Amino acid sequence: MDRHAELPLKLKDEDLYKQVDQRRIRNDQGRMVKPENVVDEQFKTLFEVKKAIPQIKLPAVWLPHGVLGISNSEILPIPENTFGPFAGQILVGDQGQSKIMRVVMEKVKGEYQGVAFDFRAASSLACCAWPGERRFPVRRRNQPRLGFRR
């Protein structure tokens, strides 16, 4: 059975590694070389790789590491007809920085694009599940689920 038969993107490892470095460089002592220690590296962005492999989908939104989180949680859509003007948008929690980001996406010429904002921050805050109408879905680490009324 072809292991790629069920995948949405039928791409073999070899095809991808023809485009991007696999990061298997070793120094004279046989130790792996960190990417930041490679001098004058020629690299390709994901946008450039898409030119060679058109079936790759580019991310609609980037959450820069260290700016919008360091340990992002599951994506949580805000249900329609709830939570005022934010209905239909997306929440992404971050346990490492104890905050929640709000993501707005729209489809333009068949491709999704979007933007992300810091939305809420508090000590030990992590995103959870939508508990019900008119409640904000959060929990604090090591505590049961909470809901803040808007």
N, C-alpha and C. Protein backbone atom coordinates (compact mmCIF):
# COMPACT_ATOMS: atom_id res chain seq x y z
N MET A 1 0.83 -1.19 0.00
CA MET A 1 0.00 0.00 0.00
C MET A 1 0.88 1.26 0.00
N ASP A 2 0.53 2.22 -0.83
CA ASP A 2 1.28 3.47 -0.92
C ASP A 2 0.99 4.30 0.34
N ARG A 3 2.03 4.64 1.10
CA ARG A 3 1.82 5.39 2.34
C ARG A 3 1.35 6.82 2.08
N HIS A 4 1.42 7.30 0.86
CA HIS A 4 0.98 8.64 0.51
C HIS A 4 -0.45 8.67 -0.01
N ALA A 5 -1.10 7.51 -0.14
CA ALA A 5 -2.42 7.43 -0.75
C ALA A 5 -3.48 8.22 0.01
N GLU A 6 -3.40 8.26 1.34
CA GLU A 6 -4.42 8.93 2.15
C GLU A 6 -4.09 10.38 2.50
N LEU A 7 -2.90 10.84 2.13
CA LEU A 7 -2.49 12.19 2.50
C LEU A 7 -3.10 13.23 1.56
N PRO A 8 -3.49 14.40 2.11
CA PRO A 8 -4.04 15.45 1.25
C PRO A 8 -3.00 16.02 0.29
N LEU A 9 -1.74 15.98 0.69
CA LEU A 9 -0.65 16.46 -0.14
C LEU A 9 0.22 15.26 -0.49
N LYS A 10 0.21 14.85 -1.74
CA LYS A 10 0.98 13.69 -2.16
C LYS A 10 2.40 14.15 -2.48
N LEU A 11 3.22 14.22 -1.44
CA LEU A 11 4.58 14.72 -1.56
C LEU A 11 5.51 13.75 -0.86
N LYS A 12 6.54 13.33 -1.54
CA LYS A 12 7.51 12.42 -0.94
C LYS A 12 8.63 13.23 -0.31
N ASP A 13 9.24 12.66 0.71
CA ASP A 13 10.33 13.33 1.42
C ASP A 13 11.41 13.81 0.45
N GLU A 14 11.77 12.93 -0.48
CA GLU A 14 12.86 13.26 -1.42
C GLU A 14 12.53 14.51 -2.23
N ASP A 15 11.25 14.66 -2.63
CA ASP A 15 10.85 15.82 -3.43
C ASP A 15 11.00 17.11 -2.63
N LEU A 16 10.63 17.07 -1.36
CA LEU A 16 10.76 18.25 -0.52
C LEU A 16 12.23 18.56 -0.26
N TYR A 17 13.04 17.53 0.02
CA TYR A 17 14.44 17.77 0.35
C TYR A 17 15.29 18.14 -0.86
N LYS A 18 14.73 18.07 -2.06
CA LYS A 18 15.40 18.64 -3.23
C LYS A 18 15.30 20.16 -3.18
N GLN A 19 14.29 20.66 -2.45
CA GLN A 19 14.04 22.10 -2.37
C GLN A 19 14.64 22.74 -1.12
N VAL A 20 14.61 22.04 0.00
CA VAL A 20 15.09 22.60 1.27
C VAL A 20 16.10 21.66 1.92
N ASP A 21 17.01 22.26 2.69
CA ASP A 21 18.03 21.50 3.38
C ASP A 21 17.41 20.68 4.51
N GLN A 22 17.80 19.46 4.64
CA GLN A 22 17.27 18.57 5.66
C GLN A 22 17.89 18.82 7.04
N ARG A 23 18.89 19.67 7.09
CA ARG A 23 19.58 20.02 8.34
C ARG A 23 20.30 18.82 8.95
N ARG A 24 21.04 18.12 8.14
CA ARG A 24 21.81 16.96 8.60
C ARG A 24 23.31 17.20 8.45
N ILE A 25 23.72 18.46 8.56
CA ILE A 25 25.13 18.83 8.39
C ILE A 25 25.90 18.49 9.66
N ARG A 26 27.06 17.84 9.50
CA ARG A 26 27.92 17.51 10.65
C ARG A 26 29.27 18.18 10.48
N ASN A 27 29.88 18.52 11.60
CA ASN A 27 31.21 19.14 11.55
C ASN A 27 32.29 18.05 11.50
N ASP A 28 33.56 18.46 11.61
CA ASP A 28 34.68 17.51 11.52
C ASP A 28 34.68 16.48 12.64
N GLN A 29 34.07 16.81 13.78
CA GLN A 29 34.00 15.88 14.91
C GLN A 29 32.74 15.01 14.87
N GLY A 30 31.95 15.14 13.82
CA GLY A 30 30.74 14.33 13.68
C GLY A 30 29.52 14.88 14.40
N ARG A 31 29.63 16.08 14.96
CA ARG A 31 28.50 16.69 15.67
C ARG A 31 27.62 17.48 14.70
N MET A 32 26.33 17.52 15.01
CA MET A 32 25.40 18.28 14.18
C MET A 32 25.73 19.77 14.27
N VAL A 33 25.62 20.47 13.14
CA VAL A 33 25.89 21.90 13.09
C VAL A 33 24.56 22.64 13.25
N LYS A 34 24.52 23.58 14.20
CA LYS A 34 23.31 24.37 14.42
C LYS A 34 23.08 25.26 13.21
N PRO A 35 21.81 25.49 12.82
CA PRO A 35 21.53 26.36 11.67
C PRO A 35 22.16 27.75 11.78
N GLU A 36 22.20 28.31 13.01
CA GLU A 36 22.76 29.65 13.17
C GLU A 36 24.27 29.68 12.98
N ASN A 37 24.92 28.50 12.93
CA ASN A 37 26.37 28.44 12.74
C ASN A 37 26.76 28.13 11.30
N VAL A 38 25.81 28.04 10.40
CA VAL A 38 26.10 27.83 8.98
C VAL A 38 26.37 29.20 8.35
N VAL A 39 27.54 29.36 7.77
CA VAL A 39 27.95 30.64 7.20
C VAL A 39 27.51 30.72 5.74
N ASP A 40 27.01 31.88 5.35
CA ASP A 40 26.60 32.16 3.96
C ASP A 40 25.65 31.11 3.40
N GLU A 41 24.68 30.73 4.19
CA GLU A 41 23.72 29.71 3.75
C GLU A 41 22.76 30.27 2.71
N GLN A 42 22.50 29.48 1.71
CA GLN A 42 21.47 29.80 0.72
C GLN A 42 20.22 29.03 1.11
N PHE A 43 19.16 29.72 1.47
CA PHE A 43 17.94 29.04 1.90
C PHE A 43 16.76 29.52 1.07
N LYS A 44 15.69 28.76 1.10
CA LYS A 44 14.46 29.11 0.40
C LYS A 44 13.35 29.33 1.41
N THR A 45 12.54 30.33 1.16
CA THR A 45 11.36 30.54 1.98
C THR A 45 10.28 29.57 1.52
N LEU A 46 9.24 29.41 2.34
CA LEU A 46 8.13 28.54 1.96
C LEU A 46 7.46 29.05 0.68
N PHE A 47 7.41 30.37 0.51
CA PHE A 47 6.85 30.96 -0.70
C PHE A 47 7.65 30.52 -1.93
N GLU A 48 8.96 30.46 -1.82
CA GLU A 48 9.81 30.02 -2.93
C GLU A 48 9.64 28.53 -3.20
N VAL A 49 9.48 27.73 -2.14
CA VAL A 49 9.28 26.29 -2.30
C VAL A 49 7.95 26.03 -3.01
N LYS A 50 6.94 26.85 -2.73
CA LYS A 50 5.62 26.69 -3.37
C LYS A 50 5.72 26.83 -4.90
N LYS A 51 6.64 27.64 -5.37
CA LYS A 51 6.82 27.78 -6.83
C LYS A 51 7.22 26.45 -7.46
N ALA A 52 8.03 25.66 -6.75
CA ALA A 52 8.46 24.36 -7.26
C ALA A 52 7.46 23.25 -6.94
N ILE A 53 6.72 23.41 -5.84
CA ILE A 53 5.73 22.41 -5.41
C ILE A 53 4.40 23.14 -5.22
N PRO A 54 3.65 23.37 -6.30
CA PRO A 54 2.45 24.22 -6.24
C PRO A 54 1.35 23.73 -5.29
N GLN A 55 1.30 22.44 -4.98
CA GLN A 55 0.23 21.94 -4.11
C GLN A 55 0.42 22.32 -2.65
N ILE A 56 1.57 22.88 -2.28
CA ILE A 56 1.79 23.34 -0.91
C ILE A 56 0.90 24.54 -0.64
N LYS A 57 0.24 24.54 0.52
CA LYS A 57 -0.60 25.67 0.94
C LYS A 57 0.20 26.54 1.90
N LEU A 58 0.25 27.82 1.62
CA LEU A 58 0.94 28.75 2.51
C LEU A 58 0.05 29.07 3.70
N PRO A 59 0.63 29.32 4.86
CA PRO A 59 -0.18 29.70 6.02
C PRO A 59 -0.92 31.02 5.77
N ALA A 60 -2.16 31.09 6.24
CA ALA A 60 -2.93 32.32 6.11
C ALA A 60 -2.48 33.34 7.14
N VAL A 61 -2.00 32.87 8.29
CA VAL A 61 -1.57 33.74 9.38
C VAL A 61 -0.34 33.12 10.03
N TRP A 62 0.65 33.94 10.31
CA TRP A 62 1.83 33.51 11.06
C TRP A 62 1.71 34.05 12.48
N LEU A 63 2.03 33.22 13.47
CA LEU A 63 2.11 33.67 14.85
C LEU A 63 3.60 33.66 15.22
N PRO A 64 4.26 34.81 15.13
CA PRO A 64 5.71 34.83 15.35
C PRO A 64 6.09 34.33 16.74
N HIS A 65 7.00 33.37 16.78
CA HIS A 65 7.45 32.77 18.04
C HIS A 65 8.08 33.84 18.92
N GLY A 66 7.65 33.89 20.17
CA GLY A 66 8.18 34.85 21.11
C GLY A 66 7.41 36.16 21.13
N VAL A 67 6.69 36.47 20.05
CA VAL A 67 5.88 37.68 19.99
C VAL A 67 4.42 37.33 20.27
N LEU A 68 3.88 36.39 19.51
CA LEU A 68 2.52 35.91 19.73
C LEU A 68 2.57 34.48 20.23
N GLY A 69 3.27 34.29 21.32
CA GLY A 69 3.29 32.99 21.97
C GLY A 69 4.56 32.21 21.76
N ILE A 70 4.72 31.19 22.62
CA ILE A 70 5.85 30.27 22.51
C ILE A 70 5.39 28.82 22.58
N SER A 71 4.14 28.61 22.99
CA SER A 71 3.60 27.26 23.11
C SER A 71 2.10 27.33 22.83
N ASN A 72 1.76 27.48 21.54
CA ASN A 72 0.37 27.72 21.16
C ASN A 72 -0.51 26.50 21.36
N SER A 73 -1.75 26.76 21.71
CA SER A 73 -2.74 25.70 21.96
C SER A 73 -3.56 25.43 20.69
N GLU A 74 -4.59 24.66 20.89
CA GLU A 74 -5.51 24.35 19.80
C GLU A 74 -6.25 25.61 19.35
N ILE A 75 -6.63 25.64 18.09
CA ILE A 75 -7.41 26.74 17.53
C ILE A 75 -8.85 26.60 17.99
N LEU A 76 -9.46 27.72 18.42
CA LEU A 76 -10.82 27.70 18.91
C LEU A 76 -11.66 28.73 18.16
N PRO A 77 -12.55 28.29 17.26
CA PRO A 77 -13.42 29.25 16.57
C PRO A 77 -14.43 29.86 17.54
N ILE A 78 -14.69 31.15 17.40
CA ILE A 78 -15.73 31.81 18.19
C ILE A 78 -17.05 31.58 17.45
N PRO A 79 -18.02 30.95 18.08
CA PRO A 79 -19.28 30.65 17.38
C PRO A 79 -20.00 31.92 16.93
N GLU A 80 -20.74 31.80 15.81
CA GLU A 80 -21.55 32.91 15.32
C GLU A 80 -22.59 33.27 16.37
N ASN A 81 -23.03 34.51 16.38
CA ASN A 81 -24.05 35.02 17.30
C ASN A 81 -23.64 34.93 18.77
N THR A 82 -22.33 34.92 19.04
CA THR A 82 -21.83 34.96 20.42
C THR A 82 -20.69 35.95 20.48
N PHE A 83 -20.43 36.45 21.61
CA PHE A 83 -19.26 37.25 21.91
C PHE A 83 -19.12 38.48 21.02
N GLY A 84 -20.24 39.13 20.76
CA GLY A 84 -20.27 40.42 20.08
C GLY A 84 -19.56 40.47 18.74
N PRO A 85 -18.74 41.51 18.53
CA PRO A 85 -18.11 41.70 17.22
C PRO A 85 -17.05 40.66 16.88
N PHE A 86 -16.70 39.80 17.84
CA PHE A 86 -15.65 38.81 17.60
C PHE A 86 -16.20 37.49 17.08
N ALA A 87 -17.51 37.36 16.95
CA ALA A 87 -18.11 36.12 16.45
C ALA A 87 -17.55 35.79 15.07
N GLY A 88 -17.26 34.52 14.85
CA GLY A 88 -16.71 34.06 13.57
C GLY A 88 -15.20 34.18 13.48
N GLN A 89 -14.58 34.78 14.46
CA GLN A 89 -13.12 34.86 14.48
C GLN A 89 -12.56 33.65 15.21
N ILE A 90 -11.24 33.62 15.41
CA ILE A 90 -10.57 32.45 15.98
C ILE A 90 -9.73 32.89 17.17
N LEU A 91 -9.71 32.06 18.22
CA LEU A 91 -8.83 32.30 19.37
C LEU A 91 -7.75 31.23 19.38
N VAL A 92 -6.54 31.64 19.74
CA VAL A 92 -5.43 30.71 19.93
C VAL A 92 -4.79 31.06 21.26
N GLY A 93 -4.77 30.10 22.17
CA GLY A 93 -4.17 30.34 23.48
C GLY A 93 -2.69 30.02 23.46
N ASP A 94 -2.00 30.52 24.45
CA ASP A 94 -0.58 30.21 24.61
C ASP A 94 -0.30 30.01 26.09
N GLN A 95 0.12 28.81 26.43
CA GLN A 95 0.41 28.50 27.83
C GLN A 95 1.72 29.13 28.27
N GLY A 96 2.70 29.17 27.40
CA GLY A 96 4.01 29.68 27.78
C GLY A 96 4.01 31.14 28.15
N GLN A 97 3.23 31.96 27.46
CA GLN A 97 3.16 33.38 27.76
C GLN A 97 1.85 33.77 28.43
N SER A 98 1.00 32.80 28.73
CA SER A 98 -0.26 33.02 29.43
C SER A 98 -1.10 34.10 28.76
N LYS A 99 -1.38 33.89 27.47
CA LYS A 99 -2.21 34.87 26.78
C LYS A 99 -3.02 34.20 25.68
N ILE A 100 -3.94 34.97 25.14
CA ILE A 100 -4.80 34.49 24.05
C ILE A 100 -4.68 35.49 22.91
N MET A 101 -4.53 34.96 21.70
CA MET A 101 -4.49 35.79 20.51
C MET A 101 -5.81 35.64 19.76
N ARG A 102 -6.22 36.72 19.10
CA ARG A 102 -7.43 36.72 18.28
C ARG A 102 -6.98 36.76 16.82
N VAL A 103 -7.55 35.87 16.01
CA VAL A 103 -7.19 35.78 14.60
C VAL A 103 -8.41 36.07 13.74
N VAL A 104 -8.24 36.97 12.77
CA VAL A 104 -9.30 37.31 11.83
C VAL A 104 -8.84 36.83 10.46
N MET A 105 -9.69 36.04 9.79
CA MET A 105 -9.33 35.53 8.46
C MET A 105 -10.43 35.83 7.46
N GLU A 106 -10.04 35.98 6.20
CA GLU A 106 -11.01 36.14 5.12
C GLU A 106 -10.44 35.50 3.86
N LYS A 107 -11.32 35.13 2.97
CA LYS A 107 -10.90 34.51 1.72
C LYS A 107 -10.86 35.58 0.63
N VAL A 108 -9.70 35.72 -0.02
CA VAL A 108 -9.51 36.69 -1.08
C VAL A 108 -8.99 35.96 -2.31
N LYS A 109 -9.74 36.02 -3.40
CA LYS A 109 -9.37 35.34 -4.64
C LYS A 109 -9.05 33.87 -4.40
N GLY A 110 -9.86 33.21 -3.56
CA GLY A 110 -9.72 31.78 -3.31
C GLY A 110 -8.68 31.38 -2.28
N GLU A 111 -7.93 32.34 -1.75
CA GLU A 111 -6.89 32.05 -0.76
C GLU A 111 -7.25 32.76 0.54
N TYR A 112 -7.07 32.05 1.67
CA TYR A 112 -7.28 32.69 2.96
C TYR A 112 -6.11 33.58 3.32
N GLN A 113 -6.41 34.71 3.94
CA GLN A 113 -5.39 35.58 4.50
C GLN A 113 -5.94 36.13 5.80
N GLY A 114 -5.05 36.55 6.68
CA GLY A 114 -5.54 37.02 7.96
C GLY A 114 -4.52 37.80 8.74
N VAL A 115 -4.93 38.14 9.95
CA VAL A 115 -4.10 38.92 10.85
C VAL A 115 -4.35 38.42 12.27
N ALA A 116 -3.34 38.53 13.13
CA ALA A 116 -3.47 38.09 14.52
C ALA A 116 -3.12 39.24 15.46
N PHE A 117 -3.84 39.30 16.57
CA PHE A 117 -3.65 40.35 17.58
C PHE A 117 -3.51 39.70 18.95
N ASP A 118 -2.72 40.32 19.83
CA ASP A 118 -2.80 39.97 21.24
C ASP A 118 -4.21 40.32 21.69
N PHE A 119 -4.85 39.45 22.44
CA PHE A 119 -6.23 39.66 22.82
C PHE A 119 -6.41 39.76 24.33
N ARG A 120 -5.83 38.84 25.05
CA ARG A 120 -6.01 38.80 26.51
C ARG A 120 -4.78 38.17 27.13
N ALA A 121 -4.31 38.74 28.23
CA ALA A 121 -3.17 38.17 28.94
C ALA A 121 -3.46 38.21 30.44
N ALA A 122 -3.06 37.19 31.13
CA ALA A 122 -3.21 37.11 32.58
C ALA A 122 -2.29 36.03 33.10
N SER A 123 -2.04 36.04 34.38
CA SER A 123 -1.18 35.04 34.98
C SER A 123 -1.77 33.65 34.82
N SER A 124 -1.01 32.73 34.25
CA SER A 124 -1.38 31.31 34.09
C SER A 124 -2.60 31.11 33.20
N LEU A 125 -2.82 31.96 32.23
CA LEU A 125 -3.98 31.87 31.35
C LEU A 125 -3.70 30.91 30.21
N ALA A 126 -4.66 30.06 29.89
CA ALA A 126 -4.55 29.14 28.76
C ALA A 126 -5.92 29.00 28.11
N CYS A 127 -5.97 28.87 26.80
CA CYS A 127 -7.24 28.73 26.10
C CYS A 127 -7.81 27.33 26.35
N CYS A 128 -9.09 27.21 26.29
CA CYS A 128 -9.72 25.95 26.66
C CYS A 128 -10.78 25.57 25.64
N ALA A 129 -12.05 25.56 26.01
CA ALA A 129 -13.15 25.20 25.12
C ALA A 129 -14.28 26.19 25.34
N TRP A 130 -15.10 26.40 24.32
CA TRP A 130 -16.19 27.35 24.43
C TRP A 130 -17.25 26.77 25.35
N PRO A 131 -17.41 27.33 26.58
CA PRO A 131 -18.29 26.72 27.57
C PRO A 131 -19.77 27.00 27.37
N GLY A 132 -20.10 28.01 26.63
CA GLY A 132 -21.52 28.31 26.44
C GLY A 132 -21.70 29.73 25.98
N GLU A 133 -22.94 30.11 25.85
CA GLU A 133 -23.29 31.41 25.33
C GLU A 133 -22.77 32.52 26.24
N ARG A 134 -22.18 33.56 25.62
CA ARG A 134 -21.75 34.78 26.31
C ARG A 134 -20.67 34.55 27.36
N ARG A 135 -19.88 33.52 27.23
CA ARG A 135 -18.79 33.31 28.18
C ARG A 135 -17.47 33.25 27.41
N PHE A 136 -16.44 33.72 28.06
CA PHE A 136 -15.11 33.71 27.46
C PHE A 136 -14.39 32.43 27.88
N PRO A 137 -13.89 31.65 26.95
CA PRO A 137 -13.38 30.31 27.25
C PRO A 137 -11.93 30.28 27.72
N VAL A 138 -11.73 30.29 29.01
CA VAL A 138 -10.36 30.23 29.53
C VAL A 138 -10.29 29.29 30.71
N ARG A 139 -9.11 28.88 30.99
CA ARG A 139 -8.84 28.18 32.23
C ARG A 139 -7.45 28.60 32.67
N ARG A 140 -7.22 28.48 33.93
CA ARG A 140 -5.89 28.74 34.45
C ARG A 140 -5.22 27.39 34.65
N ARG A 141 -3.93 27.37 34.47
CA ARG A 141 -3.20 26.11 34.64
C ARG A 141 -3.45 25.55 36.03
N ASN A 142 -3.62 24.23 36.09
CA ASN A 142 -3.84 23.51 37.35
C ASN A 142 -5.13 23.91 38.05
N GLN A 143 -6.11 24.42 37.30
CA GLN A 143 -7.41 24.75 37.88
C GLN A 143 -8.50 24.26 36.93
N PRO A 144 -9.72 24.05 37.44
CA PRO A 144 -10.82 23.67 36.56
C PRO A 144 -11.17 24.82 35.61
N ARG A 145 -11.98 24.54 34.61
CA ARG A 145 -12.36 25.54 33.63
C ARG A 145 -13.12 26.68 34.27
N LEU A 146 -12.87 27.89 33.76
CA LEU A 146 -13.53 29.10 34.22
C LEU A 146 -14.22 29.74 33.05
N GLY A 147 -15.16 30.61 33.29
CA GLY A 147 -15.76 31.38 32.21
C GLY A 147 -15.97 32.80 32.69
N PHE A 148 -15.47 33.77 31.96
CA PHE A 148 -15.66 35.17 32.32
C PHE A 148 -16.80 35.73 31.48
N ARG A 149 -17.77 36.35 32.11
CA ARG A 149 -18.86 36.99 31.36
C ARG A 149 -18.30 38.21 30.67
N ARG A 150 -18.81 38.47 29.47
CA ARG A 150 -18.33 39.67 28.76
C ARG A 150 -19.09 40.88 29.20
